[in-house]
Structures are given as structure tokens and as C-alpha cells.
Protein backbone atom coordinates (compact mmCIF):
# COMPACT_ATOMS: atom_id res chain seq x y z
CA UNK A 1 90.47 -31.37 32.92
CA UNK A 2 91.65 -28.30 34.75
CA UNK A 3 92.08 -24.87 33.24
CA UNK A 4 90.06 -21.92 32.02
CA UNK A 5 86.69 -22.75 30.48
CA UNK A 6 84.98 -20.33 28.12
CA UNK A 7 81.20 -20.28 27.77
CA UNK A 8 78.56 -17.96 26.39
CA UNK A 9 75.44 -17.09 28.37
CA UNK A 10 72.25 -16.89 26.33
CA UNK A 11 69.64 -16.22 28.95
CA UNK A 12 69.21 -16.15 32.73
CA UNK A 13 65.96 -16.82 34.55
CA UNK A 14 66.66 -15.19 37.92
CA UNK A 15 65.69 -16.57 41.28
CA UNK A 16 62.06 -16.08 42.26
CA UNK A 17 60.63 -16.63 45.73
CA UNK A 18 57.61 -18.33 44.19
CA UNK A 19 59.65 -20.74 42.04
CA UNK A 20 62.50 -21.08 44.58
CA UNK A 21 64.97 -21.74 41.79
CA UNK A 22 66.95 -20.09 39.01
CA UNK A 23 68.28 -21.27 35.65
CA UNK A 24 70.72 -20.20 32.97
CA UNK A 25 71.26 -21.22 29.31
CA UNK A 26 74.93 -21.39 28.21
CA UNK A 27 76.98 -22.60 25.23
CA UNK A 28 79.80 -24.90 26.23
CA UNK A 29 81.94 -27.20 24.16
CA UNK A 30 79.64 -26.81 21.16
CA UNK A 31 76.46 -27.73 23.02
CA UNK A 32 73.58 -25.79 24.58
CA UNK A 33 72.99 -26.48 28.27
CA UNK A 34 70.27 -25.44 30.69
CA UNK A 35 71.63 -25.38 34.26
CA UNK A 36 69.23 -25.14 37.18
CA UNK A 37 69.77 -24.73 40.93
CA UNK A 38 67.34 -24.24 43.76
CA UNK A 39 65.28 -25.88 46.48
CA UNK A 40 64.87 -29.64 46.29
CA UNK A 41 61.09 -29.23 46.64
CA UNK A 42 61.05 -27.25 43.37
CA UNK A 43 63.60 -29.18 41.29
CA UNK A 44 63.03 -32.83 42.22
CA UNK A 45 59.51 -32.88 40.72
CA UNK A 46 61.01 -31.61 37.44
CA UNK A 47 63.44 -34.53 37.02
CA UNK A 48 63.05 -37.21 34.41
CA UNK A 49 60.78 -40.15 35.14
CA UNK A 50 62.10 -42.98 37.27
CA UNK A 51 62.91 -45.38 34.41
CA UNK A 52 65.07 -42.80 32.67
CA UNK A 53 67.02 -41.68 35.69
CA UNK A 54 70.71 -42.43 36.03
CA UNK A 55 71.96 -44.48 39.02
CA UNK A 56 73.77 -41.56 40.60
CA UNK A 57 70.53 -39.54 40.72
CA UNK A 58 68.89 -41.98 43.13
CA UNK A 59 72.04 -41.87 45.27
CA UNK A 60 71.88 -38.05 45.41
CA UNK A 61 68.18 -38.08 46.35
CA UNK A 62 68.78 -40.58 49.15
CA UNK A 63 71.72 -38.50 50.37
CA UNK A 64 69.39 -35.54 50.99
CA UNK A 65 67.64 -37.31 53.85
CA UNK A 66 70.50 -37.03 56.34
CA UNK A 67 71.10 -33.24 56.07
CA UNK A 68 67.35 -32.62 56.11
CA UNK A 69 67.05 -34.67 59.29
CA UNK A 70 69.81 -32.54 60.84
CA UNK A 71 67.96 -29.35 59.95
CA UNK A 72 70.44 -28.20 57.28
CA UNK A 73 69.43 -26.09 54.29
CA UNK A 74 69.81 -28.04 51.06
CA UNK A 75 70.16 -27.05 47.42
CA UNK A 76 70.17 -29.30 44.37
CA UNK A 77 71.67 -28.79 40.92
CA UNK A 78 70.31 -30.15 37.64
CA UNK A 79 70.88 -29.69 33.92
CA UNK A 80 69.40 -30.45 30.54
CA UNK A 81 70.82 -30.52 27.01
CA UNK A 82 68.96 -28.25 24.59
CA UNK A 83 68.70 -28.67 20.83
CA UNK A 84 69.19 -25.89 18.31
CA UNK A 85 65.45 -25.75 17.66
CA UNK A 86 64.69 -25.35 21.37
CA UNK A 87 67.26 -22.61 21.65
CA UNK A 88 65.75 -20.86 18.65
CA UNK A 89 62.52 -20.41 20.56
CA UNK A 90 64.22 -17.61 22.50
CA UNK A 91 64.48 -15.34 19.47
CA UNK A 92 61.50 -13.29 20.66
CA UNK A 93 62.52 -11.47 23.86
CA UNK A 94 58.86 -11.14 24.95
CA UNK A 95 58.40 -14.93 25.19
CA UNK A 96 61.78 -15.83 26.65
CA UNK A 97 60.78 -16.12 30.33
CA UNK A 98 57.72 -18.21 29.51
CA UNK A 99 59.59 -20.53 27.16
CA UNK A 100 62.46 -20.94 29.55
CA UNK A 101 60.10 -21.94 32.35
CA UNK A 102 58.51 -24.53 30.08
CA UNK A 103 61.93 -26.04 29.32
CA UNK A 104 62.79 -26.49 32.99
CA UNK A 105 61.45 -30.03 32.82
CA UNK A 106 62.92 -33.53 32.33
CA UNK A 107 66.09 -32.46 34.12
CA UNK A 108 69.08 -34.60 35.04
CA UNK A 109 70.20 -34.34 38.64
CA UNK A 110 73.86 -33.34 38.96
CA UNK A 111 74.41 -32.97 42.68
CA UNK A 112 73.36 -31.36 45.94
CA UNK A 113 74.77 -29.22 48.72
CA UNK A 114 73.85 -28.73 52.36
CA UNK A 115 74.62 -25.77 54.59
CA UNK A 116 74.25 -25.93 58.33
CA UNK A 117 71.80 -23.24 59.36
CA UNK A 118 73.21 -22.74 62.82
CA UNK A 119 70.82 -21.55 65.45
CA UNK A 120 71.53 -18.20 66.99
CA UNK A 121 73.08 -17.97 70.41
CA UNK A 122 70.60 -18.43 73.28
CA UNK A 123 67.74 -19.03 70.84
CA UNK A 124 66.44 -21.97 72.88
CA UNK A 125 66.38 -19.92 76.11
CA UNK A 126 64.72 -16.96 74.38
CA UNK A 127 61.92 -19.07 72.92
CA UNK A 128 61.45 -20.79 76.27
CA UNK A 129 60.90 -17.39 77.89
CA UNK A 130 58.23 -16.57 75.30
CA UNK A 131 56.47 -19.85 75.98
CA UNK A 132 56.74 -19.33 79.75
CA UNK A 133 55.04 -15.96 79.32
CA UNK A 134 52.15 -17.73 77.55
CA UNK A 135 52.91 -16.28 74.10
CA UNK A 136 52.22 -18.72 71.23
CA UNK A 137 55.06 -18.78 68.69
CA UNK A 138 54.44 -19.44 65.00
CA UNK A 139 57.33 -20.17 62.64
CA UNK A 140 56.77 -19.34 58.96
CA UNK A 141 59.59 -20.70 56.79
CA UNK A 142 60.29 -21.75 53.23
CA UNK A 143 61.98 -25.00 54.29
CA UNK A 144 60.50 -28.44 53.77
CA UNK A 145 58.27 -29.91 56.42
CA UNK A 146 60.89 -32.31 57.79
CA UNK A 147 63.53 -29.60 57.91
CA UNK A 148 61.17 -27.15 59.59
CA UNK A 149 60.21 -29.76 62.16
CA UNK A 150 63.84 -30.60 62.96
CA UNK A 151 64.67 -26.91 63.35
CA UNK A 152 61.67 -26.50 65.68
CA UNK A 153 62.90 -29.42 67.80
CA UNK A 154 66.46 -28.03 67.88
CA UNK A 155 65.15 -24.60 68.87
CA UNK A 156 63.06 -26.05 71.69
CA UNK A 157 59.65 -25.22 70.17
CA UNK A 158 58.84 -28.91 69.70
CA UNK A 159 59.77 -31.51 72.26
CA UNK A 160 61.87 -34.34 70.79
CA UNK A 161 59.97 -37.35 69.39
CA UNK A 162 57.78 -39.18 70.21
CA UNK A 163 55.82 -36.01 71.03
CA UNK A 164 52.76 -36.09 68.74
CA UNK A 165 52.74 -33.48 65.98
CA UNK A 166 49.66 -32.95 63.83
CA UNK A 167 50.22 -32.17 60.15
CA UNK A 168 47.94 -30.23 57.81
CA UNK A 169 48.82 -31.09 54.20
CA UNK A 170 45.52 -30.24 52.50
CA UNK A 171 42.42 -28.27 53.49
CA UNK A 172 40.60 -31.59 53.83
CA UNK A 173 42.84 -32.44 56.82
CA UNK A 174 41.42 -29.47 58.73
CA UNK A 175 38.44 -31.51 59.94
CA UNK A 176 40.77 -34.15 61.41
CA UNK A 177 42.78 -31.74 63.57
CA UNK A 178 42.29 -32.03 67.32
CA UNK A 179 43.03 -28.65 68.92
CA UNK A 180 42.01 -29.93 72.36
CA UNK A 181 45.36 -31.71 72.61
CA UNK A 182 47.05 -28.25 72.67
CA UNK A 183 50.08 -29.76 70.96
CA UNK A 184 52.11 -28.76 67.91
CA UNK A 185 50.98 -28.31 64.31
CA UNK A 186 52.87 -28.32 61.00
CA UNK A 187 51.12 -26.70 58.04
CA UNK A 188 52.31 -27.41 54.51
CA UNK A 189 52.61 -24.49 52.12
CA UNK A 190 50.32 -26.22 49.63
CA UNK A 191 47.50 -26.27 52.17
CA UNK A 192 48.01 -22.57 52.86
CA UNK A 193 47.99 -21.84 49.14
CA UNK A 194 44.71 -23.67 48.61
CA UNK A 195 43.07 -22.05 51.64
CA UNK A 196 44.07 -18.57 50.51
CA UNK A 197 43.15 -19.19 46.88
CA UNK A 198 39.69 -20.58 47.51
CA UNK A 199 38.96 -18.25 50.41
CA UNK A 200 36.86 -20.92 52.08
CA UNK A 201 37.91 -22.38 55.40
CA UNK A 202 40.57 -19.71 56.03
CA UNK A 203 38.73 -18.32 59.06
CA UNK A 204 38.12 -21.79 60.45
CA UNK A 205 41.76 -22.66 59.89
CA UNK A 206 43.01 -19.62 61.84
CA UNK A 207 40.62 -20.24 64.72
CA UNK A 208 41.78 -23.86 64.92
CA UNK A 209 45.48 -23.06 64.57
CA UNK A 210 45.34 -20.48 67.36
CA UNK A 211 44.44 -23.25 69.80
CA UNK A 212 47.78 -25.01 69.26
CA UNK A 213 50.81 -24.30 71.41
CA UNK A 214 53.15 -23.93 68.44
CA UNK A 215 52.52 -23.86 64.68
CA UNK A 216 55.16 -24.28 61.96
CA UNK A 217 54.44 -23.34 58.35
CA UNK A 218 56.69 -25.01 55.78
CA UNK A 219 57.34 -24.26 52.10
CA UNK A 220 55.73 -20.83 52.30
CA UNK A 221 56.37 -17.82 50.08
CA UNK A 222 56.80 -14.19 51.24
CA UNK A 223 53.29 -13.37 50.02
CA UNK A 224 51.86 -16.26 52.02
CA UNK A 225 53.60 -14.95 55.14
CA UNK A 226 51.76 -11.67 54.72
CA UNK A 227 48.41 -13.39 54.14
CA UNK A 228 48.84 -15.55 57.25
CA UNK A 229 49.52 -12.50 59.41
CA UNK A 230 46.57 -10.70 57.85
CA UNK A 231 44.25 -13.56 58.74
CA UNK A 232 45.44 -13.58 62.34
CA UNK A 233 45.00 -9.82 62.66
CA UNK A 234 41.48 -10.11 61.29
CA UNK A 235 40.81 -12.55 64.12
CA UNK A 236 41.47 -9.68 66.54
CA UNK A 237 44.94 -10.76 67.68
CA UNK A 238 48.02 -8.63 68.26
CA UNK A 239 50.96 -9.75 66.13
CA UNK A 240 54.70 -9.25 66.49
CA UNK A 241 56.76 -10.36 63.48
CA UNK A 242 60.53 -10.79 63.50
CA UNK A 243 62.77 -11.53 60.54
CA UNK A 244 66.26 -10.94 59.21
CA UNK A 245 66.01 -11.22 55.42
CA UNK A 246 64.65 -9.28 52.48
CA UNK A 247 61.82 -11.82 52.06
CA UNK A 248 60.59 -10.88 55.56
CA UNK A 249 60.08 -7.18 54.80
CA UNK A 250 56.41 -7.42 53.81
CA UNK A 251 55.66 -9.65 56.81
CA UNK A 252 57.33 -7.20 59.19
CA UNK A 253 55.37 -4.27 57.73
CA UNK A 254 52.06 -6.14 57.97
CA UNK A 255 52.43 -6.97 61.69
CA UNK A 256 51.30 -4.72 64.52
CA UNK A 257 54.91 -4.59 65.69
CA UNK A 258 57.78 -5.37 63.34
CA UNK A 259 61.23 -6.36 64.63
CA UNK A 260 64.23 -6.69 62.33
CA UNK A 261 67.37 -8.64 63.12
CA UNK A 262 70.46 -6.83 61.80
CA UNK A 263 72.54 -9.79 60.68
CA UNK A 264 74.51 -11.15 57.76
CA UNK A 265 71.50 -11.27 55.41
CA UNK A 266 71.44 -7.53 54.84
CA UNK A 267 69.61 -4.65 56.44
CA UNK A 268 66.39 -4.70 54.42
CA UNK A 269 64.42 -6.20 57.30
CA UNK A 270 66.01 -3.83 59.82
CA UNK A 271 65.20 -0.80 57.65
CA UNK A 272 61.52 -1.75 57.41
CA UNK A 273 61.06 -2.67 61.09
CA UNK A 274 59.75 -0.67 64.01
CA UNK A 275 62.54 -1.98 66.24
CA UNK A 276 65.95 -3.48 65.42
CA UNK A 277 67.87 -6.00 67.53
CA UNK A 278 71.37 -7.35 66.82
CA UNK A 279 70.31 -10.94 67.57
CA UNK A 280 67.20 -12.94 68.42
CA UNK A 281 68.30 -13.35 72.04
CA UNK A 282 67.54 -9.66 72.62
CA UNK A 283 63.86 -10.08 71.74
CA UNK A 284 62.83 -11.13 75.31
CA UNK A 285 64.70 -8.09 76.64
CA UNK A 286 62.84 -5.87 74.17
CA UNK A 287 59.46 -7.36 75.07
CA UNK A 288 59.67 -8.24 78.76
CA UNK A 289 61.82 -5.36 79.90
CA UNK A 290 61.49 -2.37 77.59
CA UNK A 291 58.10 -3.22 76.11
CA UNK A 292 56.48 -4.08 79.41
CA UNK A 293 57.96 -1.04 81.18
CA UNK A 294 56.93 1.23 78.32
CA UNK A 295 53.35 0.02 78.64
CA UNK A 296 53.48 0.36 82.44
CA UNK A 297 55.01 3.84 82.40
CA UNK A 298 52.69 5.19 79.72
CA UNK A 299 49.73 3.84 81.67
CA UNK A 300 50.91 5.62 84.82
CA UNK A 301 51.51 8.89 82.97
CA UNK A 302 48.11 8.95 81.26
CA UNK A 303 46.10 7.92 84.32
CA UNK A 304 47.93 10.30 86.65
CA UNK A 305 47.61 13.17 84.17
CA UNK A 306 43.84 12.84 84.05
CA UNK A 307 43.70 12.33 87.82
CA UNK A 308 45.65 15.45 88.73
CA UNK A 309 43.68 17.59 86.30
CA UNK A 310 40.38 16.42 87.76
CA UNK A 311 41.69 17.21 91.24
CA UNK A 312 42.71 20.63 89.96
CA UNK A 313 39.61 21.43 87.87
CA UNK A 314 36.73 20.22 90.04
CA UNK A 315 37.26 23.01 92.68
CA UNK A 316 36.99 25.57 89.88
CA UNK A 317 33.71 23.96 88.80
CA UNK A 318 32.38 23.95 92.39
CA UNK A 319 33.49 27.50 93.01
CA UNK A 320 31.19 28.72 90.24
CA UNK A 321 28.15 27.84 92.40
CA UNK A 322 29.42 29.97 95.31
CA UNK A 323 30.56 33.13 93.50
CA UNK A 324 27.19 34.05 91.99
CA UNK A 325 28.41 32.81 88.61
CA UNK A 326 30.56 35.91 88.29
CA UNK A 327 33.24 34.14 86.24
CA UNK A 328 35.71 34.65 89.07
CA UNK A 329 38.61 32.18 89.06
CA UNK A 330 39.24 30.12 92.14
CA UNK A 331 42.97 30.25 91.32
CA UNK A 332 45.06 33.25 90.26
CA UNK A 333 45.31 33.45 86.49
CA UNK A 334 49.03 32.86 86.03
CA UNK A 335 49.14 30.14 88.69
CA UNK A 336 46.42 28.31 86.81
CA UNK A 337 48.36 28.65 83.55
CA UNK A 338 51.58 27.34 85.07
CA UNK A 339 50.00 24.38 86.89
CA UNK A 340 50.54 21.83 84.09
CA UNK A 341 53.39 23.70 82.44
CA UNK A 342 55.80 23.98 85.38
CA UNK A 343 54.46 23.07 88.82
CA UNK A 344 53.38 19.44 88.19
CA UNK A 345 55.08 18.58 84.89
CA UNK A 346 58.48 17.37 86.12
CA UNK A 347 57.29 14.73 88.65
CA UNK A 348 54.92 13.11 86.15
CA UNK A 349 57.52 13.16 83.36
CA UNK A 350 60.26 11.74 85.59
CA UNK A 351 58.05 8.89 86.77
CA UNK A 352 57.02 8.13 83.19
CA UNK A 353 60.70 7.80 82.24
CA UNK A 354 62.31 6.06 85.21
CA UNK A 355 59.59 4.14 87.09
CA UNK A 356 59.80 0.37 87.50
CA UNK A 357 57.12 -1.61 89.33
CA UNK A 358 59.39 -4.56 90.19
CA UNK A 359 62.82 -4.54 91.84
CA UNK A 360 65.86 -6.15 90.29
CA UNK A 361 66.07 -9.80 91.32
CA UNK A 362 69.45 -10.46 89.75
CA UNK A 363 69.61 -13.91 88.17
CA UNK A 364 65.90 -14.46 88.80
CA UNK A 365 64.89 -11.15 87.21
CA UNK A 366 63.97 -12.63 83.81
CA UNK A 367 61.58 -15.12 85.42
CA UNK A 368 59.83 -12.33 87.30
CA UNK A 369 59.37 -10.22 84.17
CA UNK A 370 58.25 -13.26 82.17
CA UNK A 371 55.58 -14.37 84.64
CA UNK A 372 54.17 -10.84 84.99
CA UNK A 373 54.15 -10.08 81.26
CA UNK A 374 50.52 -11.10 80.94
CA UNK A 375 49.58 -7.85 82.69
CA UNK A 376 50.37 -6.14 79.42
CA UNK A 377 49.29 -8.78 76.93
CA UNK A 378 45.88 -8.97 78.63
CA UNK A 379 45.75 -5.19 79.09
CA UNK A 380 45.31 -5.46 82.83
CA UNK A 381 46.73 -2.00 83.59
CA UNK A 382 45.12 0.48 81.21
CA UNK A 383 41.44 -0.42 81.49
CA UNK A 384 38.26 1.62 81.67
CA UNK A 385 37.80 0.38 85.24
CA UNK A 386 41.14 1.82 86.35
CA UNK A 387 40.58 4.99 84.36
CA UNK A 388 37.32 5.73 86.14
CA UNK A 389 38.89 4.68 89.44
CA UNK A 390 41.45 7.48 89.12
CA UNK A 391 38.88 9.98 87.83
CA UNK A 392 36.49 9.27 90.71
CA UNK A 393 39.40 9.35 93.17
CA UNK A 394 40.48 12.77 91.99
CA UNK A 395 36.90 14.04 92.13
CA UNK A 396 36.36 12.80 95.70
CA UNK A 397 39.63 14.35 96.89
CA UNK A 398 38.68 17.65 95.23
CA UNK A 399 35.29 17.59 96.95
CA UNK A 400 36.87 16.90 100.35
CA UNK A 401 39.47 19.63 99.93
CA UNK A 402 37.11 22.29 98.56
CA UNK A 403 34.33 21.88 101.10
CA UNK A 404 36.72 21.61 104.03
CA UNK A 405 38.12 25.01 103.07
CA UNK A 406 34.78 26.55 102.10
CA UNK A 407 32.76 25.56 105.15
CA UNK A 408 35.73 26.05 107.45
CA UNK A 409 36.28 29.70 106.54
CA UNK A 410 32.94 30.90 105.22
CA UNK A 411 32.06 34.18 106.93
CA UNK A 412 34.45 33.59 109.83
CA UNK A 413 37.65 35.08 111.17
CA UNK A 414 40.19 32.49 112.23
CA UNK A 415 42.00 32.49 115.53
CA UNK A 416 45.17 34.12 114.21
CA UNK A 417 43.58 37.58 114.10
CA UNK A 418 43.42 37.73 110.35
CA UNK A 419 40.20 37.78 108.37
CA UNK A 420 39.61 35.17 105.71
CA UNK A 421 40.19 36.63 102.26
CA UNK A 422 39.92 35.40 98.68
CA UNK A 423 43.72 35.34 98.36
CA UNK A 424 44.05 33.25 101.51
CA UNK A 425 41.55 30.60 100.36
CA UNK A 426 42.75 30.60 96.76
CA UNK A 427 46.45 30.18 97.55
CA UNK A 428 45.75 27.66 100.32
CA UNK A 429 43.73 25.51 97.93
CA UNK A 430 46.33 25.79 95.16
CA UNK A 431 49.31 25.11 97.45
CA UNK A 432 47.70 22.04 99.03
CA UNK A 433 46.94 20.56 95.58
CA UNK A 434 50.48 21.10 94.25
CA UNK A 435 52.21 19.77 97.37
CA UNK A 436 49.81 16.84 97.81
CA UNK A 437 50.25 15.73 94.18
CA UNK A 438 54.00 15.73 94.63
CA UNK A 439 53.70 13.86 97.93
CA UNK A 440 51.36 11.27 96.44
CA UNK A 441 53.55 10.56 93.44
CA UNK A 442 56.48 10.03 95.82
CA UNK A 443 54.40 7.54 97.81
CA UNK A 444 53.41 5.63 94.66
CA UNK A 445 56.92 5.47 93.20
CA UNK A 446 58.45 1.99 93.42
CA UNK A 447 61.86 2.71 91.93
CA UNK A 448 63.70 5.88 92.93
CA UNK A 449 66.47 7.22 90.69
CA UNK A 450 68.47 10.42 90.80
CA UNK A 451 66.27 11.76 87.99
CA UNK A 452 63.02 11.11 89.86
CA UNK A 453 64.32 12.48 93.17
CA UNK A 454 65.56 15.71 91.57
CA UNK A 455 62.32 16.11 89.62
CA UNK A 456 60.13 15.59 92.69
CA UNK A 457 62.09 18.21 94.62
CA UNK A 458 62.12 20.66 91.72
CA UNK A 459 58.38 20.28 91.20
CA UNK A 460 57.64 21.88 94.57
CA UNK A 461 60.69 24.12 94.57
CA UNK A 462 59.71 25.77 91.29
CA UNK A 463 56.29 26.56 92.74
CA UNK A 464 57.68 28.17 95.89
CA UNK A 465 60.30 30.12 93.91
CA UNK A 466 57.63 31.46 91.59
CA UNK A 467 55.46 32.40 94.56
CA UNK A 468 58.30 34.50 95.97
CA UNK A 469 59.04 36.10 92.60
CA UNK A 470 55.41 36.95 91.91
CA UNK A 471 55.03 38.49 95.36
CA UNK A 472 58.00 40.88 95.15
CA UNK A 473 57.97 41.59 91.41
CA UNK A 474 54.31 42.24 90.74
CA UNK A 475 55.22 44.72 87.99
CA UNK A 476 56.04 41.83 85.65
CA UNK A 477 52.37 40.90 85.75
CA UNK A 478 52.87 37.28 86.69
CA UNK A 479 51.14 37.31 90.04
CA UNK A 480 49.81 39.13 93.06
CA UNK A 481 51.25 40.28 96.37
CA UNK A 482 50.21 37.35 98.61
CA UNK A 483 52.96 37.35 101.21
CA UNK A 484 51.11 38.97 104.08
CA UNK A 485 48.05 36.79 103.57
CA UNK A 486 49.79 33.45 103.03
CA UNK A 487 53.41 32.85 104.02
CA UNK A 488 53.38 35.66 106.51
CA UNK A 489 50.29 34.25 108.21
CA UNK A 490 50.55 31.40 110.72
CA UNK A 491 47.01 30.22 109.98
CA UNK A 492 48.00 29.55 106.40
CA UNK A 493 50.72 27.10 107.42
CA UNK A 494 48.55 25.33 110.00
CA UNK A 495 45.76 24.73 107.53
CA UNK A 496 48.23 23.88 104.77
CA UNK A 497 49.82 21.11 106.83
CA UNK A 498 46.46 19.88 108.19
CA UNK A 499 44.72 19.62 104.81
CA UNK A 500 47.72 18.06 103.06
CA UNK A 501 48.07 15.51 105.86
CA UNK A 502 44.34 14.75 105.72
CA UNK A 503 44.39 13.98 102.00
CA UNK A 504 47.57 11.95 102.29
CA UNK A 505 46.23 9.98 105.25
CA UNK A 506 43.04 9.10 103.34
CA UNK A 507 45.11 7.86 100.40
CA UNK A 508 47.47 5.95 102.66
CA UNK A 509 44.55 4.28 104.42
CA UNK A 510 42.85 3.31 101.17
CA UNK A 511 45.89 1.91 99.32
CA UNK A 512 47.34 0.06 102.28
CA UNK A 513 43.96 -1.53 103.02
CA UNK A 514 43.62 -2.51 99.37
CA UNK A 515 47.10 -4.06 99.26
CA UNK A 516 46.45 -5.93 102.49
CA UNK A 517 43.11 -7.49 101.57
CA UNK A 518 43.33 -7.50 97.73
CA UNK A 519 47.03 -7.76 96.82
CA UNK A 520 48.04 -8.11 93.18
CA UNK A 521 50.92 -10.14 91.78
CA UNK A 522 53.41 -7.29 91.70
CA UNK A 523 52.67 -6.35 95.32
CA UNK A 524 53.24 -9.97 96.40
CA UNK A 525 56.56 -10.06 94.55
CA UNK A 526 57.74 -6.78 96.09
CA UNK A 527 56.64 -7.91 99.56
CA UNK A 528 58.59 -11.16 99.22
CA UNK A 529 61.62 -9.53 97.63
CA UNK A 530 64.15 -11.24 99.94
CA UNK A 531 62.75 -14.73 99.31
CA UNK A 532 62.44 -14.20 95.56
CA UNK A 533 65.93 -12.77 95.10
CA UNK A 534 67.42 -15.77 96.92
CA UNK A 535 65.38 -18.26 94.91
CA UNK A 536 63.49 -19.54 97.97
CA UNK A 537 60.04 -18.80 96.57
CA UNK A 538 58.23 -20.60 93.77
CA UNK A 539 57.60 -18.09 90.97
CA UNK A 540 54.64 -19.96 89.51
CA UNK A 541 52.84 -20.03 92.86
CA UNK A 542 53.74 -16.43 93.64
CA UNK A 543 52.61 -15.07 90.29
CA UNK A 544 49.54 -17.31 90.21
CA UNK A 545 50.41 -17.93 86.59
CA UNK A 546 48.51 -21.18 86.25
CA UNK A 547 47.01 -22.17 82.95
CA UNK A 548 43.63 -23.07 84.36
CA UNK A 549 43.16 -19.69 86.09
CA UNK A 550 45.01 -17.25 83.84
CA UNK A 551 43.13 -16.25 80.66
CA UNK A 552 44.80 -16.99 77.36
CA UNK A 553 47.07 -14.17 76.18
CA UNK A 554 46.35 -12.32 72.94
CA UNK A 555 49.88 -11.68 71.66
CA UNK A 556 51.59 -13.82 69.03
CA UNK A 557 55.17 -13.84 67.82
CA UNK A 558 56.10 -14.81 64.26
CA UNK A 559 59.59 -15.68 63.04
């Protein structure tokens, strides 16, 4: 019968992520009804026993198998007729939620619905890039095991059957898992609940699960998502979590790096995340392009900053032994103050913003970035070994420069009829350091942009401009009158060019020899740029990214 229907609502038990269902008590046509809707895993166990079920209920249950096999999200609807005495139990507001939960039993199944949870565009390709980079992917979902498995197959995480998939339904199944097969694992939410509740076997479970290529958690709650991430972080792993719904907020906040997808499910996840992407397909771009370059550029900036300051400071330390400890500065006061502030700041900052270690390979660019991502996940760039390499390098260069100048001019007059003075040695030493640092950073730059070129030129230009200003406007107190002893002296320019060339030649000899006899992956890719860009070179061979030789990465992605 069609038309307007009037009903009175007595009580509503709202949806809960733990219960995965909601219910409402209404008066309709002189009767009291309890209507329930929610996940089939929560409602089907609450139906009446098999002998009391109606024929259409079995038909509805059987009809759920097809949408579940297709990976659709299902919802079932059930109801129950309440008596006046049962409804009277809700007189006390304090006991209403408890009583209503107890009445959500012996239900009659009314029907079901299925919604196609369409995969996002380029999801399969994005996950394949993560797997190519050696990053294990764990999927934590509230769907049933079969649905979660079908979604994993559709997304490309699991290969289609008959690929073997191990299933962990109870903690007792943990002993039967075989991580040596390096296959796929499905973990039921009940097993996770028991492991977290008892607290025993959780560490063993995480250690075993980390050996699998892909792990899918089914029928999990938002709190269980957080606990799973917490266990993995306690194992010393780095975790990236990505989600798009309100139930993913706690998981995103618990991870080392949280990524929110700004989609149709609201902006709660995006508001709580460290980074926001409009779709999942942009995650590889965030990780392999921006994330990798950020790590690379920050590494360069930190290492070069320490290096240039050791090169600058060690001569001052050495000079103390040859000036009778008189607290005399080896550099003029204001020059020393402006060294990091103006003279060498722009080149380092520009390289930290615009540098890229690999050229653009066009269509093959994503494969190059994927196969070299392990440099960051294994922390191959910013290591104590490389830190001390740069510190020792700066110290050696400072020793060479200082003693060449000291022993070359000590107590002597050079051939240009001008006696060696403190200003001559001080400005020669300072000028060589500033110009050599700019020259070296140009040599080490792999990707030139208009920003880097302008910054490299300005770095030296600012120094020379200040030298002119401080020479002719000494009244401002920013410098000394050095013109006649430096720029106006031919010996200054001869020694300036000779010492700068000497330091640069030593660096050129060292780095070119190192790249020739001990090349790294990025050097090989740059050297074979023509072959790589045309697709004539095997990336796996070039990057030496073989499973038996490359250590296992330490980054995990959760979705």
C-alpha cells in the first residue's frame, strides 16, 4: 500500500564501529518493532535459529555470496516484534542502551543491499610501484575475509587464484604459518582481538607477519588499527598510514607519517594527516618524487653545511698556534660574521631547494625513482660514515690550504715587490674558501635551474661587492681598507687562482676516481642516460635491485 506512513520513534541505538550496526525502536500500525541494519558479520549471528527461520531468509543469505565474491560492500536488514513488557523495560533512561543491545537477538532477516566499492583510478599501478620499490603493503579493513581478499586481488596486491594465501583465524594458527614462502596472509579480526587482549604472542605475530609480502586484516575496528600500527612501530619499523574516512583518523595520527585522502567520505582524515592527496594514485608521487627528493636535498644541505664550516673554522683553530695565542682572528671580524649569513648561504639554500640527483627519463621516470627509493628507506645517504667523510674532507682541505699559505709566505717577500702582510694572508685565505665552496657546489650539482644558477652567481658576487664597499666606506665600520694589499696586488690574484685550482683539482681527482672504480646506482643511471631514456637498458640490472643482494627495506604502508 502506497502513501504516507506515520510512526513514532521510541529509541535509537546509533551506529558503533565496534558493533558495526545500529537499531531503532518504532511504533507502527499498533505494534512495536525493532529494526536493525549493519554488517552481515554482526547481524547474521543474531538471527533466529535455523529451524525457526523463514524460507526467504535462507535465500537472502545465499544471495550475499555473489556480491561478496565481487568485492562489494554489503549491508543486511533485520527486525523483531517487541511486546509491551519488553518495551516497558526502557522506562529507565540509564539502562536503555544496555537493554536495547540485549534485545538485538532472535532477529528476522528482511533483506540485504550491496554497493560496489569501486577501486580508485590507477590504484593497481600505484600499488605495483610500491611493491616494486620493495615496500610491504598491509591493508587493514572492516570487511569480511572473503571481501577483503577479493578487493586485494582486484587491486593487484594478491595474484588471482590459485596463488596460496595463508589465513590466521585464531592465535593457535600462528604456529602453522610458514613465512618462508613469502606469500600473502589474511588475518581475521577475531585473531587480532585475542592477541591484543591476552597480550601474549603479539610480538611473535608481528615478527612473523612482517616476513610476508602482503598482509590483509579483515573485520577490524578503528582501535585495532591503532594497536596494529603500535605493535609494528615497537618492532622498530617506519610506518606510513593512509586513509580517507573518519575511522582512519586515529590510525593516521599513530603512524610515523600520516596521509589523508580528501574524498567523498569527508575531510576528517585529511585534517588529521601530515600530508593530503586528492587520490591514492598520487601517493607514489608523494613518496618517490617529493619524499625521496626531500630526503636527498636535506641530506645534502646538512652534510654540506657541516663541511663548509669545518673548512672555514679549522684555519682559525690552526692560526691560534702561530699567533702566540694572542686571540687574533685569522679572518676580519665582519667577514667572519657574514660568512654563513651572506657569502655562502644562497648556494647551499638553492641546492637544497632545487637539486635532483637523477635526470628526467620521461615515461621511464617512475621506474627509475621506484628502483632507487631504497636509498632512502635504508638510509643510505645520511649515515655516520658519510657524515665523517665530509667532516674529514673539510678538515684535510683546510689543512692543505692553511699550510700552503703559511709556509709559502712566512717571513718572505714575494716576487711582486710587496711584503707579506696579515691582511694579504687573511683575505687570500678567506677569498679562496668562499670561491672554492661556490665552485665545488657547482661541480656537485646534478640539476641546474634558474634559481640555482642565479644563487651560485650571487653567492660570489655579494662577497666581491661587500669587499669593494668595505674598502671605500671604512667609516661604516664593516671592514678594512684592503684594496692595495689584495685586489691591487698581482701576487694576490696569482695565489688566489693557484690555490683555488689546487683544491678543486684534488676534489676533481678524488670524486672522478671514486665514480670510476666505485660507482653507485645513481651514477650508473646518469652515465647511461641515453640508453635508459630510450628504454634500451634493463632497470633491474642497472639498479642492482635484486632481492638476494638488496637488504630488506624498513618502510611499511598501511591503507
